[in-house]
PDB file of N, CA and C in Angstrom:
ATOM      1  N   MET A   1     -23.342 -19.629  10.974  1.00  0.00           N
ATOM      2  CA  MET A   1     -21.927 -19.870  10.726  1.00  0.00           C
ATOM      3  C   MET A   1     -21.278 -18.280  10.520  1.00  0.00           C
ATOM      4  N   ALA A   2     -20.249 -18.008  11.231  1.00  0.00           N
ATOM      5  CA  ALA A   2     -19.598 -16.742  11.130  1.00  0.00           C
ATOM      6  C   ALA A   2     -18.912 -16.719   9.750  1.00  0.00           C
ATOM      7  N   LYS A   3     -18.910 -15.583   9.156  1.00  0.00           N
ATOM      8  CA  LYS A   3     -18.068 -15.344   8.028  1.00  0.00           C
ATOM      9  C   LYS A   3     -16.786 -14.779   8.345  1.00  0.00           C
ATOM     10  N   THR A   4     -15.679 -15.569   8.293  1.00  0.00           N
ATOM     11  CA  THR A   4     -14.441 -15.096   8.505  1.00  0.00           C
ATOM     12  C   THR A   4     -13.483 -15.455   7.386  1.00  0.00           C
ATOM     13  N   GLY A   5     -12.275 -14.951   7.481  1.00  0.00           N
ATOM     14  CA  GLY A   5     -11.273 -15.291   6.339  1.00  0.00           C
ATOM     15  C   GLY A   5     -11.397 -14.240   5.253  1.00  0.00           C
ATOM     16  N   TRP A   6     -10.772 -14.679   4.193  1.00  0.00           N
ATOM     17  CA  TRP A   6     -10.715 -13.721   2.936  1.00  0.00           C
ATOM     18  C   TRP A   6     -10.912 -14.523   1.710  1.00  0.00           C
ATOM     19  N   ILE A   7     -11.102 -13.753   0.690  1.00  0.00           N
ATOM     20  CA  ILE A   7     -11.184 -14.358  -0.728  1.00  0.00           C
ATOM     21  C   ILE A   7     -10.257 -13.618  -1.565  1.00  0.00           C
ATOM     22  N   LYS A   8      -9.768 -14.385  -2.722  1.00  0.00           N
ATOM     23  CA  LYS A   8      -9.098 -13.620  -3.689  1.00  0.00           C
ATOM     24  C   LYS A   8     -10.023 -13.049  -4.709  1.00  0.00           C
ATOM     25  N   LEU A   9      -9.792 -11.849  -5.091  1.00  0.00           N
ATOM     26  CA  LEU A   9     -10.566 -11.270  -6.125  1.00  0.00           C
ATOM     27  C   LEU A   9      -9.682 -10.641  -7.172  1.00  0.00           C
ATOM     28  N   HIS A  10      -9.621 -11.358  -8.333  1.00  0.00           N
ATOM     29  CA  HIS A  10      -8.707 -10.993  -9.413  1.00  0.00           C
ATOM     30  C   HIS A  10      -8.968  -9.743 -10.045  1.00  0.00           C
ATOM     31  N   ARG A  11      -8.139  -8.810 -10.311  1.00  0.00           N
ATOM     32  CA  ARG A  11      -8.399  -7.578 -11.082  1.00  0.00           C
ATOM     33  C   ARG A  11      -8.978  -7.693 -12.409  1.00  0.00           C
ATOM     34  N   GLN A  12      -8.948  -8.887 -13.011  1.00  0.00           N
ATOM     35  CA  GLN A  12      -9.626  -9.101 -14.321  1.00  0.00           C
ATOM     36  C   GLN A  12     -10.994  -9.039 -14.224  1.00  0.00           C
ATOM     37  N   ILE A  13     -11.650  -9.047 -13.013  1.00  0.00           N
ATOM     38  CA  ILE A  13     -13.063  -8.869 -12.865  1.00  0.00           C
ATOM     39  C   ILE A  13     -13.583  -7.529 -13.456  1.00  0.00           C
ATOM     40  N   MET A  14     -12.568  -6.569 -13.569  1.00  0.00           N
ATOM     41  CA  MET A  14     -12.928  -5.292 -14.080  1.00  0.00           C
ATOM     42  C   MET A  14     -13.237  -5.301 -15.478  1.00  0.00           C
ATOM     43  N   ASP A  15     -12.827  -6.312 -16.125  1.00  0.00           N
ATOM     44  CA  ASP A  15     -13.029  -6.648 -17.570  1.00  0.00           C
ATOM     45  C   ASP A  15     -14.339  -7.372 -17.942  1.00  0.00           C
ATOM     46  N   SER A  16     -15.131  -7.785 -16.992  1.00  0.00           N
ATOM     47  CA  SER A  16     -16.405  -8.597 -17.211  1.00  0.00           C
ATOM     48  C   SER A  16     -17.461  -7.598 -17.516  1.00  0.00           C
ATOM     49  N   ASP A  17     -18.407  -8.034 -18.155  1.00  0.00           N
ATOM     50  CA  ASP A  17     -19.693  -7.291 -18.748  1.00  0.00           C
ATOM     51  C   ASP A  17     -20.346  -6.746 -17.396  1.00  0.00           C
ATOM     52  N   PHE A  18     -20.335  -7.629 -16.414  1.00  0.00           N
ATOM     53  CA  PHE A  18     -21.044  -7.206 -15.138  1.00  0.00           C
ATOM     54  C   PHE A  18     -20.497  -5.950 -14.540  1.00  0.00           C
ATOM     55  N   TYR A  19     -19.031  -5.940 -14.511  1.00  0.00           N
ATOM     56  CA  TYR A  19     -18.431  -4.739 -13.959  1.00  0.00           C
ATOM     57  C   TYR A  19     -18.529  -3.550 -14.849  1.00  0.00           C
ATOM     58  N   LYS A  20     -18.557  -3.754 -16.108  1.00  0.00           N
ATOM     59  CA  LYS A  20     -18.460  -2.612 -17.070  1.00  0.00           C
ATOM     60  C   LYS A  20     -20.010  -2.080 -17.303  1.00  0.00           C
ATOM     61  N   GLU A  21     -20.951  -2.771 -16.788  1.00  0.00           N
ATOM     62  CA  GLU A  21     -22.360  -2.307 -16.991  1.00  0.00           C
ATOM     63  C   GLU A  21     -22.522  -0.929 -16.435  1.00  0.00           C
ATOM     64  N   PRO A  22     -22.993  -0.069 -17.267  1.00  0.00           N
ATOM     65  CA  PRO A  22     -23.287   1.373 -16.883  1.00  0.00           C
ATOM     66  C   PRO A  22     -24.246   1.505 -15.732  1.00  0.00           C
ATOM     67  N   ARG A  23     -23.807   2.111 -14.695  1.00  0.00           N
ATOM     68  CA  ARG A  23     -24.623   2.301 -13.453  1.00  0.00           C
ATOM     69  C   ARG A  23     -23.963   3.326 -12.557  1.00  0.00           C
ATOM     70  N   LYS A  24     -24.785   3.790 -11.560  1.00  0.00           N
ATOM     71  CA  LYS A  24     -24.204   4.654 -10.523  1.00  0.00           C
ATOM     72  C   LYS A  24     -23.740   3.669  -9.386  1.00  0.00           C
ATOM     73  N   PHE A  25     -22.520   3.749  -9.132  1.00  0.00           N
ATOM     74  CA  PHE A  25     -21.890   2.869  -8.068  1.00  0.00           C
ATOM     75  C   PHE A  25     -22.451   3.244  -6.646  1.00  0.00           C
ATOM     76  N   SER A  26     -22.581   2.251  -5.819  1.00  0.00           N
ATOM     77  CA  SER A  26     -22.843   2.440  -4.397  1.00  0.00           C
ATOM     78  C   SER A  26     -21.495   2.867  -3.741  1.00  0.00           C
ATOM     79  N   LYS A  27     -21.479   3.237  -2.514  1.00  0.00           N
ATOM     80  CA  LYS A  27     -20.221   3.577  -1.832  1.00  0.00           C
ATOM     81  C   LYS A  27     -19.429   2.204  -1.677  1.00  0.00           C
ATOM     82  N   TYR A  28     -20.048   1.113  -1.436  1.00  0.00           N
ATOM     83  CA  TYR A  28     -19.370  -0.097  -1.412  1.00  0.00           C
ATOM     84  C   TYR A  28     -18.604  -0.486  -2.656  1.00  0.00           C
ATOM     85  N   GLU A  29     -19.356  -0.344  -3.744  1.00  0.00           N
ATOM     86  CA  GLU A  29     -18.798  -0.626  -5.093  1.00  0.00           C
ATOM     87  C   GLU A  29     -17.661   0.376  -5.325  1.00  0.00           C
ATOM     88  N   ALA A  30     -17.712   1.639  -4.961  1.00  0.00           N
ATOM     89  CA  ALA A  30     -16.663   2.506  -5.170  1.00  0.00           C
ATOM     90  C   ALA A  30     -15.498   2.192  -4.379  1.00  0.00           C
ATOM     91  N   TRP A  31     -15.577   1.698  -3.113  1.00  0.00           N
ATOM     92  CA  TRP A  31     -14.548   1.205  -2.228  1.00  0.00           C
ATOM     93  C   TRP A  31     -13.810   0.012  -2.901  1.00  0.00           C
ATOM     94  N   ILE A  32     -14.528  -0.971  -3.368  1.00  0.00           N
ATOM     95  CA  ILE A  32     -14.032  -2.118  -3.971  1.00  0.00           C
ATOM     96  C   ILE A  32     -13.244  -1.619  -5.252  1.00  0.00           C
ATOM     97  N   ASP A  33     -13.777  -0.723  -6.066  1.00  0.00           N
ATOM     98  CA  ASP A  33     -13.080  -0.309  -7.246  1.00  0.00           C
ATOM     99  C   ASP A  33     -11.833   0.339  -6.830  1.00  0.00           C
ATOM    100  N   LEU A  34     -11.707   1.143  -5.878  1.00  0.00           N
ATOM    101  CA  LEU A  34     -10.436   1.622  -5.317  1.00  0.00           C
ATOM    102  C   LEU A  34      -9.391   0.669  -5.083  1.00  0.00           C
ATOM    103  N   LEU A  35      -9.875  -0.435  -4.352  1.00  0.00           N
ATOM    104  CA  LEU A  35      -9.052  -1.555  -4.130  1.00  0.00           C
ATOM    105  C   LEU A  35      -8.432  -2.380  -5.287  1.00  0.00           C
ATOM    106  N   LEU A  36      -9.395  -2.437  -6.287  1.00  0.00           N
ATOM    107  CA  LEU A  36      -9.055  -3.099  -7.546  1.00  0.00           C
ATOM    108  C   LEU A  36      -8.058  -2.277  -8.329  1.00  0.00           C
ATOM    109  N   ARG A  37      -8.060  -0.955  -8.317  1.00  0.00           N
ATOM    110  CA  ARG A  37      -7.180  -0.085  -9.082  1.00  0.00           C
ATOM    111  C   ARG A  37      -5.771   0.000  -8.496  1.00  0.00           C
ATOM    112  N   THR A  38      -5.665  -0.389  -7.244  1.00  0.00           N
ATOM    113  CA  THR A  38      -4.405  -0.105  -6.448  1.00  0.00           C
ATOM    114  C   THR A  38      -3.229  -1.069  -7.016  1.00  0.00           C
ATOM    115  N   ASN A  39      -2.062  -0.447  -7.151  1.00  0.00           N
ATOM    116  CA  ASN A  39      -0.962  -1.182  -7.654  1.00  0.00           C
ATOM    117  C   ASN A  39      -0.584  -2.245  -6.553  1.00  0.00           C
ATOM    118  N   HIS A  40      -0.207  -3.481  -7.048  1.00  0.00           N
ATOM    119  CA  HIS A  40       0.270  -4.484  -6.246  1.00  0.00           C
ATOM    120  C   HIS A  40       1.732  -4.408  -6.148  1.00  0.00           C
ATOM    121  N   LYS A  41       2.395  -3.718  -7.104  1.00  0.00           N
ATOM    122  CA  LYS A  41       3.827  -3.488  -6.904  1.00  0.00           C
ATOM    123  C   LYS A  41       4.045  -2.035  -7.631  1.00  0.00           C
ATOM    124  N   GLU A  42       5.302  -1.481  -7.331  1.00  0.00           N
ATOM    125  CA  GLU A  42       5.608  -0.147  -7.900  1.00  0.00           C
ATOM    126  C   GLU A  42       5.478  -0.143  -9.428  1.00  0.00           C
ATOM    127  N   GLU A  43       4.800   0.894  -9.923  1.00  0.00           N
ATOM    128  CA  GLU A  43       4.604   0.981 -11.322  1.00  0.00           C
ATOM    129  C   GLU A  43       4.653   2.470 -11.707  1.00  0.00           C
ATOM    130  N   ASP A  44       5.561   2.818 -12.637  1.00  0.00           N
ATOM    131  CA  ASP A  44       5.784   4.242 -13.079  1.00  0.00           C
ATOM    132  C   ASP A  44       5.991   5.280 -11.930  1.00  0.00           C
ATOM    133  N   GLY A  45       6.745   4.748 -10.935  1.00  0.00           N
ATOM    134  CA  GLY A  45       7.020   5.609  -9.783  1.00  0.00           C
ATOM    135  C   GLY A  45       5.927   5.722  -8.746  1.00  0.00           C
ATOM    136  N   ILE A  46       4.818   5.081  -9.002  1.00  0.00           N
ATOM    137  CA  ILE A  46       3.780   4.926  -7.982  1.00  0.00           C
ATOM    138  C   ILE A  46       3.889   3.728  -7.253  1.00  0.00           C
ATOM    139  N   GLN A  47       4.012   3.734  -5.864  1.00  0.00           N
ATOM    140  CA  GLN A  47       4.283   2.636  -4.988  1.00  0.00           C
ATOM    141  C   GLN A  47       3.173   1.663  -4.941  1.00  0.00           C
ATOM    142  N   ALA A  48       3.482   0.426  -4.442  1.00  0.00           N
ATOM    143  CA  ALA A  48       2.491  -0.470  -4.134  1.00  0.00           C
ATOM    144  C   ALA A  48       1.583  -0.039  -3.099  1.00  0.00           C
ATOM    145  N   GLY A  49       0.247  -0.350  -3.263  1.00  0.00           N
ATOM    146  CA  GLY A  49      -0.741   0.186  -2.284  1.00  0.00           C
ATOM    147  C   GLY A  49      -1.370   1.551  -2.747  1.00  0.00           C
ATOM    148  N   SER A  50      -0.920   2.070  -3.841  1.00  0.00           N
ATOM    149  CA  SER A  50      -1.176   3.383  -4.400  1.00  0.00           C
ATOM    150  C   SER A  50      -1.610   3.318  -5.827  1.00  0.00           C
ATOM    151  N   PHE A  51      -2.265   4.378  -6.362  1.00  0.00           N
ATOM    152  CA  PHE A  51      -2.575   4.379  -7.742  1.00  0.00           C
ATOM    153  C   PHE A  51      -2.775   5.892  -8.178  1.00  0.00           C
ATOM    154  N   LEU A  52      -2.509   6.142  -9.440  1.00  0.00           N
ATOM    155  CA  LEU A  52      -2.703   7.403  -9.987  1.00  0.00           C
ATOM    156  C   LEU A  52      -4.101   7.644 -10.652  1.00  0.00           C
ATOM    157  N   THR A  53      -4.758   8.613 -10.353  1.00  0.00           N
ATOM    158  CA  THR A  53      -6.089   8.761 -10.841  1.00  0.00           C
ATOM    159  C   THR A  53      -6.432  10.217 -10.932  1.00  0.00           C
ATOM    160  N   SER A  54      -7.640  10.661 -11.278  1.00  0.00           N
ATOM    161  CA  SER A  54      -8.222  11.921 -11.076  1.00  0.00           C
ATOM    162  C   SER A  54      -9.627  11.918 -10.570  1.00  0.00           C
ATOM    163  N   TYR A  55     -10.089  13.030  -9.996  1.00  0.00           N
ATOM    164  CA  TYR A  55     -11.447  13.064  -9.474  1.00  0.00           C
ATOM    165  C   TYR A  55     -12.361  12.849 -10.716  1.00  0.00           C
ATOM    166  N   SER A  56     -12.046  13.461 -11.902  1.00  0.00           N
ATOM    167  CA  SER A  56     -12.973  13.313 -12.997  1.00  0.00           C
ATOM    168  C   SER A  56     -13.065  11.853 -13.399  1.00  0.00           C
ATOM    169  N   GLU A  57     -11.877  11.072 -13.460  1.00  0.00           N
ATOM    170  CA  GLU A  57     -11.916   9.810 -13.902  1.00  0.00           C
ATOM    171  C   GLU A  57     -12.780   8.893 -12.929  1.00  0.00           C
ATOM    172  N   LEU A  58     -12.543   9.104 -11.592  1.00  0.00           N
ATOM    173  CA  LEU A  58     -13.475   8.306 -10.660  1.00  0.00           C
ATOM    174  C   LEU A  58     -14.953   8.632 -10.767  1.00  0.00           C
ATOM    175  N   ALA A  59     -15.209   9.914 -10.857  1.00  0.00           N
ATOM    176  CA  ALA A  59     -16.571  10.405 -10.961  1.00  0.00           C
ATOM    177  C   ALA A  59     -17.188   9.794 -12.185  1.00  0.00           C
ATOM    178  N   LYS A  60     -16.438   9.718 -13.341  1.00  0.00           N
ATOM    179  CA  LYS A  60     -17.129   9.133 -14.535  1.00  0.00           C
ATOM    180  C   LYS A  60     -17.339   7.653 -14.400  1.00  0.00           C
ATOM    181  N   SER A  61     -16.312   7.047 -13.839  1.00  0.00           N
ATOM    182  CA  SER A  61     -16.479   5.526 -13.650  1.00  0.00           C
ATOM    183  C   SER A  61     -17.545   5.041 -12.756  1.00  0.00           C
ATOM    184  N   TRP A  62     -17.740   5.946 -11.631  1.00  0.00           N
ATOM    185  CA  TRP A  62     -18.744   5.609 -10.706  1.00  0.00           C
ATOM    186  C   TRP A  62     -20.118   6.191 -10.951  1.00  0.00           C
ATOM    187  N   GLY A  63     -20.256   7.099 -11.961  1.00  0.00           N
ATOM    188  CA  GLY A  63     -21.473   7.661 -12.275  1.00  0.00           C
ATOM    189  C   GLY A  63     -21.933   8.753 -11.288  1.00  0.00           C
ATOM    190  N   TRP A  64     -20.882   9.353 -10.722  1.00  0.00           N
ATOM    191  CA  TRP A  64     -20.977  10.270  -9.661  1.00  0.00           C
ATOM    192  C   TRP A  64     -20.670  11.751 -10.176  1.00  0.00           C
ATOM    193  N   SER A  65     -21.002  12.763  -9.390  1.00  0.00           N
ATOM    194  CA  SER A  65     -20.566  14.196  -9.648  1.00  0.00           C
ATOM    195  C   SER A  65     -19.103  14.244  -9.079  1.00  0.00           C
ATOM    196  N   LYS A  66     -18.384  15.173  -9.569  1.00  0.00           N
ATOM    197  CA  LYS A  66     -17.031  15.441  -9.005  1.00  0.00           C
ATOM    198  C   LYS A  66     -17.074  15.761  -7.503  1.00  0.00           C
ATOM    199  N   SER A  67     -18.130  16.549  -7.103  1.00  0.00           N
ATOM    200  CA  SER A  67     -18.161  16.905  -5.759  1.00  0.00           C
ATOM    201  C   SER A  67     -18.588  15.579  -4.751  1.00  0.00           C
ATOM    202  N   THR A  68     -19.441  14.789  -5.248  1.00  0.00           N
ATOM    203  CA  THR A  68     -19.709  13.535  -4.490  1.00  0.00           C
ATOM    204  C   THR A  68     -18.440  12.699  -4.406  1.00  0.00           C
ATOM    205  N   THR A  69     -17.709  12.577  -5.496  1.00  0.00           N
ATOM    206  CA  THR A  69     -16.456  11.888  -5.477  1.00  0.00           C
ATOM    207  C   THR A  69     -15.504  12.437  -4.407  1.00  0.00           C
ATOM    208  N   TRP A  70     -15.288  13.777  -4.500  1.00  0.00           N
ATOM    209  CA  TRP A  70     -14.357  14.524  -3.562  1.00  0.00           C
ATOM    210  C   TRP A  70     -14.861  14.310  -2.160  1.00  0.00           C
ATOM    211  N   ASN A  71     -16.111  14.376  -1.808  1.00  0.00           N
ATOM    212  CA  ASN A  71     -16.706  14.218  -0.582  1.00  0.00           C
ATOM    213  C   ASN A  71     -16.458  12.722  -0.043  1.00  0.00           C
ATOM    214  N   PHE A  72     -16.655  11.788  -0.864  1.00  0.00           N
ATOM    215  CA  PHE A  72     -16.327  10.348  -0.546  1.00  0.00           C
ATOM    216  C   PHE A  72     -14.904  10.066  -0.220  1.00  0.00           C
ATOM    217  N   LEU A  73     -13.976  10.695  -1.044  1.00  0.00           N
ATOM    218  CA  LEU A  73     -12.589  10.458  -0.714  1.00  0.00           C
ATOM    219  C   LEU A  73     -12.181  11.122   0.517  1.00  0.00           C
ATOM    220  N   LYS A  74     -12.592  12.311   0.798  1.00  0.00           N
ATOM    221  CA  LYS A  74     -12.490  13.067   2.029  1.00  0.00           C
ATOM    222  C   LYS A  74     -12.918  12.167   3.260  1.00  0.00           C
ATOM    223  N   TYR A  75     -14.190  11.532   3.103  1.00  0.00           N
ATOM    224  CA  TYR A  75     -14.679  10.726   4.128  1.00  0.00           C
ATOM    225  C   TYR A  75     -13.756   9.488   4.345  1.00  0.00           C
ATOM    226  N   LEU A  76     -13.308   8.832   3.372  1.00  0.00           N
ATOM    227  CA  LEU A  76     -12.403   7.711   3.517  1.00  0.00           C
ATOM    228  C   LEU A  76     -11.138   8.201   4.138  1.00  0.00           C
ATOM    229  N   SER A  77     -10.665   9.288   3.860  1.00  0.00           N
ATOM    230  CA  SER A  77      -9.448   9.916   4.474  1.00  0.00           C
ATOM    231  C   SER A  77      -9.604  10.125   5.941  1.00  0.00           C
ATOM    232  N   ARG A  78     -10.791  10.712   6.353  1.00  0.00           N
ATOM    233  CA  ARG A  78     -11.036  10.981   7.781  1.00  0.00           C
ATOM    234  C   ARG A  78     -11.272   9.645   8.524  1.00  0.00           C
ATOM    235  N   GLN A  79     -11.681   8.579   7.728  1.00  0.00           N
ATOM    236  CA  GLN A  79     -11.733   7.318   8.451  1.00  0.00           C
ATOM    237  C   GLN A  79     -10.397   6.489   8.516  1.00  0.00           C
ATOM    238  N   ASN A  80      -9.424   7.131   7.960  1.00  0.00           N
ATOM    239  CA  ASN A  80      -8.078   6.624   7.937  1.00  0.00           C
ATOM    240  C   ASN A  80      -8.024   5.304   7.064  1.00  0.00           C
ATOM    241  N   MET A  81      -8.814   5.366   6.065  1.00  0.00           N
ATOM    242  CA  MET A  81      -8.899   4.207   5.009  1.00  0.00           C
ATOM    243  C   MET A  81      -7.905   4.448   3.844  1.00  0.00           C
ATOM    244  N   ILE A  82      -7.772   5.798   3.606  1.00  0.00           N
ATOM    245  CA  ILE A  82      -6.914   6.117   2.415  1.00  0.00           C
ATOM    246  C   ILE A  82      -6.153   7.527   2.759  1.00  0.00           C
ATOM    247  N   THR A  83      -5.256   7.790   1.965  1.00  0.00           N
ATOM    248  CA  THR A  83      -4.666   9.161   1.867  1.00  0.00           C
ATOM    249  C   THR A  83      -4.707   9.480   0.345  1.00  0.00           C
ATOM    250  N   PHE A  84      -4.692  10.671   0.072  1.00  0.00           N
ATOM    251  CA  PHE A  84      -4.587  11.279  -1.270  1.00  0.00           C
ATOM    252  C   PHE A  84      -3.832  12.451  -1.422  1.00  0.00           C
ATOM    253  N   GLU A  85      -3.084  12.660  -2.455  1.00  0.00           N
ATOM    254  CA  GLU A  85      -2.357  13.843  -2.758  1.00  0.00           C
ATOM    255  C   GLU A  85      -1.952  14.034  -4.073  1.00  0.00           C
ATOM    256  N   LEU A  86      -1.710  15.287  -4.423  1.00  0.00           N
ATOM    257  CA  LEU A  86      -1.381  15.502  -5.958  1.00  0.00           C
ATOM    258  C   LEU A  86      -0.082  14.714  -6.243  1.00  0.00           C
ATOM    259  N   ASN A  87      -0.018  14.278  -7.483  1.00  0.00           N
ATOM    260  CA  ASN A  87       1.181  13.577  -7.912  1.00  0.00           C
ATOM    261  C   ASN A  87       2.255  14.549  -8.185  1.00  0.00           C
ATOM    262  N   GLU A  88       3.389  14.349  -7.569  1.00  0.00           N
ATOM    263  CA  GLU A  88       4.461  15.266  -7.579  1.00  0.00           C
ATOM    264  C   GLU A  88       5.714  14.600  -8.025  1.00  0.00           C
ATOM    265  N   ASN A  89       5.691  13.429  -8.729  1.00  0.00           N
ATOM    266  CA  ASN A  89       6.856  12.730  -9.217  1.00  0.00           C
ATOM    267  C   ASN A  89       7.304  13.096 -10.685  1.00  0.00           C
ATOM    268  N   GLY A  90       6.407  13.844 -11.253  1.00  0.00           N
ATOM    269  CA  GLY A  90       6.730  14.357 -12.682  1.00  0.00           C
ATOM    270  C   GLY A  90       6.275  13.411 -13.739  1.00  0.00           C
ATOM    271  N   THR A  91       5.783  12.226 -13.427  1.00  0.00           N
ATOM    272  CA  THR A  91       5.631  11.331 -14.600  1.00  0.00           C
ATOM    273  C   THR A  91       4.178  11.561 -15.332  1.00  0.00           C
ATOM    274  N   ALA A  92       3.165  12.069 -14.469  1.00  0.00           N
ATOM    275  CA  ALA A  92       1.805  12.351 -15.038  1.00  0.00           C
ATOM    276  C   ALA A  92       1.227  13.296 -13.951  1.00  0.00           C
ATOM    277  N   ASN A  93       0.143  13.917 -14.399  1.00  0.00           N
ATOM    278  CA  ASN A  93      -0.627  14.771 -13.557  1.00  0.00           C
ATOM    279  C   ASN A  93      -1.760  13.921 -13.078  1.00  0.00           C
ATOM    280  N   GLY A  94      -2.294  14.317 -11.812  1.00  0.00           N
ATOM    281  CA  GLY A  94      -3.364  13.547 -11.204  1.00  0.00           C
ATOM    282  C   GLY A  94      -3.082  13.450  -9.682  1.00  0.00           C
ATOM    283  N   THR A  95      -3.987  12.690  -9.174  1.00  0.00           N
ATOM    284  CA  THR A  95      -4.035  12.517  -7.689  1.00  0.00           C
ATOM    285  C   THR A  95      -3.501  10.966  -7.362  1.00  0.00           C
ATOM    286  N   VAL A  96      -2.708  10.870  -6.465  1.00  0.00           N
ATOM    287  CA  VAL A  96      -2.198   9.599  -5.932  1.00  0.00           C
ATOM    288  C   VAL A  96      -3.048   9.144  -4.751  1.00  0.00           C
ATOM    289  N   VAL A  97      -3.837   8.026  -4.937  1.00  0.00           N
ATOM    290  CA  VAL A  97      -4.580   7.542  -3.790  1.00  0.00           C
ATOM    291  C   VAL A  97      -3.798   6.412  -3.209  1.00  0.00           C
ATOM    292  N   THR A  98      -3.691   6.367  -1.887  1.00  0.00           N
ATOM    293  CA  THR A  98      -2.913   5.360  -1.089  1.00  0.00           C
ATOM    294  C   THR A  98      -3.991   4.613  -0.232  1.00  0.00           C
ATOM    295  N   ILE A  99      -4.000   3.289  -0.310  1.00  0.00           N
ATOM    296  CA  ILE A  99      -4.840   2.573   0.603  1.00  0.00           C
ATOM    297  C   ILE A  99      -4.117   2.393   2.002  1.00  0.00           C
ATOM    298  N   ALA A 100      -4.737   2.695   3.003  1.00  0.00           N
ATOM    299  CA  ALA A 100      -4.192   2.573   4.433  1.00  0.00           C
ATOM    300  C   ALA A 100      -3.970   1.079   4.692  1.00  0.00           C
ATOM    301  N   LYS A 101      -2.978   0.755   5.459  1.00  0.00           N
ATOM    302  CA  LYS A 101      -2.596  -0.646   5.743  1.00  0.00           C
ATOM    303  C   LYS A 101      -2.607  -1.580   4.702  1.00  0.00           C
ATOM    304  N   TRP A 102      -2.103  -1.152   3.523  1.00  0.00           N
ATOM    305  CA  TRP A 102      -2.093  -1.992   2.384  1.00  0.00           C
ATOM    306  C   TRP A 102      -1.170  -3.240   2.638  1.00  0.00           C
ATOM    307  N   ASN A 103      -0.107  -3.102   3.287  1.00  0.00           N
ATOM    308  CA  ASN A 103       0.777  -4.243   3.553  1.00  0.00           C
ATOM    309  C   ASN A 103       0.160  -5.050   4.444  1.00  0.00           C
TER     310      ASN A 103
END
């Protein structure tokens, strides 16, 4: 049977003990984490499909080094899966990650 379609995955999954278990994330887990962090509507000047973060925050969450995190984000960007840029709207410092084709 072919696996087609989609499932709903509620962001509250990030509150579960399974999700919070200390571990080094796989690239797959890191990608899902980016999707779960993404705003579903505009919030604090950050558009839907984007979220504000930092390399340090992601690296700590994923159990990765900052350089591994940076390289992963660059890879996703080269694959046209995300864009990322410094936050310039004045509300907070950090990097805005935007998921491609969010809509």
